[in-house]
C-alpha cells in the first residue's frame, strides 16, 4: 500500500468506527492518520484526518474542540482535491452548527 493510502485508510476506518459509536477508537485512528499525513507532507490526508477528528469531537460533546479542529483543517496549506475540500467544508459546517456559532 502506498504511504498516502495509509493515511486515507486510517481516516476512513475512523469514520466507520464513528458510525458504530466507537468514538475513542475512531479518534485514535484519526490521530494516527494525522500523524502519518504530516510525516508524509500529505495535505489532503491531513485535512481528512482533522475533519474526522472534528466529527469525533462533536460526537464526544467537545464542541469547542470540534470547531478548533475544523478550523485547523481549513488552514492546512497545499493542494488538495476538490472532494477533500468538500469534506472539509462539511466538517466545518457540522462543527459550527453543533456549537451554535
Protein backbone atom coordinates (compact mmCIF):
# COMPACT_ATOMS: atom_id res chain seq x y z
CA UNK A 1 0.00 0.00 0.00
CA UNK A 2 1.34 3.43 -0.92
CA UNK A 3 2.10 5.61 2.13
CA UNK A 4 -0.58 8.24 1.36
CA UNK A 5 -3.12 5.43 1.18
CA UNK A 6 -2.28 4.53 4.79
CA UNK A 7 -3.39 7.99 5.94
CA UNK A 8 -6.64 7.75 3.95
CA UNK A 9 -7.33 4.20 5.16
CA UNK A 10 -6.89 5.17 8.80
CA UNK A 11 -9.20 8.17 8.33
CA UNK A 12 -11.81 6.00 6.60
CA UNK A 13 -11.57 3.40 9.34
CA UNK A 14 -12.09 6.19 11.88
CA UNK A 15 -15.29 7.21 10.07
CA UNK A 16 -16.52 3.62 10.19
CA UNK A 17 -15.77 3.46 13.91
CA UNK A 18 -17.65 6.74 14.45
CA UNK A 19 -20.63 5.26 12.66
CA UNK A 20 -20.50 2.34 15.11
CA UNK A 21 -20.42 4.74 18.07
CA UNK A 22 -16.84 3.79 18.97
CA UNK A 23 -15.68 7.36 19.45
CA UNK A 24 -12.44 6.83 21.34
CA UNK A 25 -11.22 4.23 18.85
CA UNK A 26 -12.19 6.50 15.98
CA UNK A 27 -10.28 9.40 17.49
CA UNK A 28 -7.23 7.17 17.98
CA UNK A 29 -7.23 6.10 14.33
CA UNK A 30 -7.82 9.67 13.17
CA UNK A 31 -4.82 10.84 15.22
CA UNK A 32 -2.72 8.07 13.67
CA UNK A 33 -3.92 9.20 10.25
CA UNK A 34 -2.99 12.80 11.06
CA UNK A 35 0.49 11.78 12.21
CA UNK A 36 1.06 9.73 9.06
CA UNK A 37 -0.17 12.53 6.79
CA UNK A 38 2.02 15.13 8.48
CA UNK A 39 5.09 12.88 8.34
CA UNK A 40 4.48 12.34 4.63
CA UNK A 41 3.81 16.01 3.88
CA UNK A 42 0.37 14.95 2.57
CA UNK A 43 -2.04 17.91 2.90
CA UNK A 44 -5.13 16.05 1.68
CA UNK A 45 -4.59 13.32 4.26
CA UNK A 46 -4.04 15.93 6.95
CA UNK A 47 -7.32 17.66 6.06
CA UNK A 48 -9.17 14.33 6.06
CA UNK A 49 -7.78 13.35 9.45
CA UNK A 50 -8.58 16.73 11.01
CA UNK A 51 -12.12 16.51 9.64
CA UNK A 52 -12.65 13.10 11.22
CA UNK A 53 -11.15 14.30 14.49
CA UNK A 54 -13.58 17.21 14.40
CA UNK A 55 -16.52 14.86 13.92
CA UNK A 56 -15.26 12.64 16.75
CA UNK A 57 -15.10 15.71 18.99
CA UNK A 58 -18.70 16.56 18.07
CA UNK A 59 -19.79 13.03 18.93
CA UNK A 60 -17.88 13.21 22.23
CA UNK A 61 -19.58 16.51 23.11
CA UNK A 62 -16.39 18.59 22.83
CA UNK A 63 -17.88 21.30 20.64
CA UNK A 64 -15.09 23.83 21.21
CA UNK A 65 -12.54 21.20 20.24
CA UNK A 66 -14.61 20.27 17.20
CA UNK A 67 -14.63 23.87 15.96
CA UNK A 68 -10.91 24.25 16.61
CA UNK A 69 -10.08 21.06 14.67
CA UNK A 70 -12.38 22.01 11.79
CA UNK A 71 -10.71 25.41 11.57
CA UNK A 72 -7.28 23.77 11.60
CA UNK A 73 -8.41 21.69 8.63
CA UNK A 74 -9.28 24.93 6.85
CA UNK A 75 -5.78 26.29 7.39
CA UNK A 76 -3.79 23.35 6.01
CA UNK A 77 -1.61 24.73 3.22
CA UNK A 78 -1.13 22.89 -0.02
CA UNK A 79 -3.01 21.46 -2.95
CA UNK A 80 -5.96 19.26 -2.06
CA UNK A 81 -8.51 17.55 -4.32
CA UNK A 82 -11.98 19.03 -4.60
CA UNK A 83 -13.62 16.11 -2.83
CA UNK A 84 -11.38 16.66 0.20
CA UNK A 85 -12.20 20.38 0.19
CA UNK A 86 -15.91 19.50 0.21
CA UNK A 87 -15.44 17.12 3.15
CA UNK A 88 -13.58 19.90 4.97
CA UNK A 89 -16.48 22.30 4.35
CA UNK A 90 -18.99 19.74 5.64
CA UNK A 91 -16.95 19.17 8.81
CA UNK A 92 -16.67 22.90 9.45
CA UNK A 93 -20.41 23.31 8.93
CA UNK A 94 -21.25 20.45 11.27
CA UNK A 95 -18.90 21.68 13.98
CA UNK A 96 -20.14 25.28 13.80
CA UNK A 97 -23.79 24.22 13.69
CA UNK A 98 -23.44 21.89 16.67
CA UNK A 99 -21.55 24.57 18.60
CA UNK A 100 -24.24 27.11 17.82
CA UNK A 101 -21.85 29.64 16.32
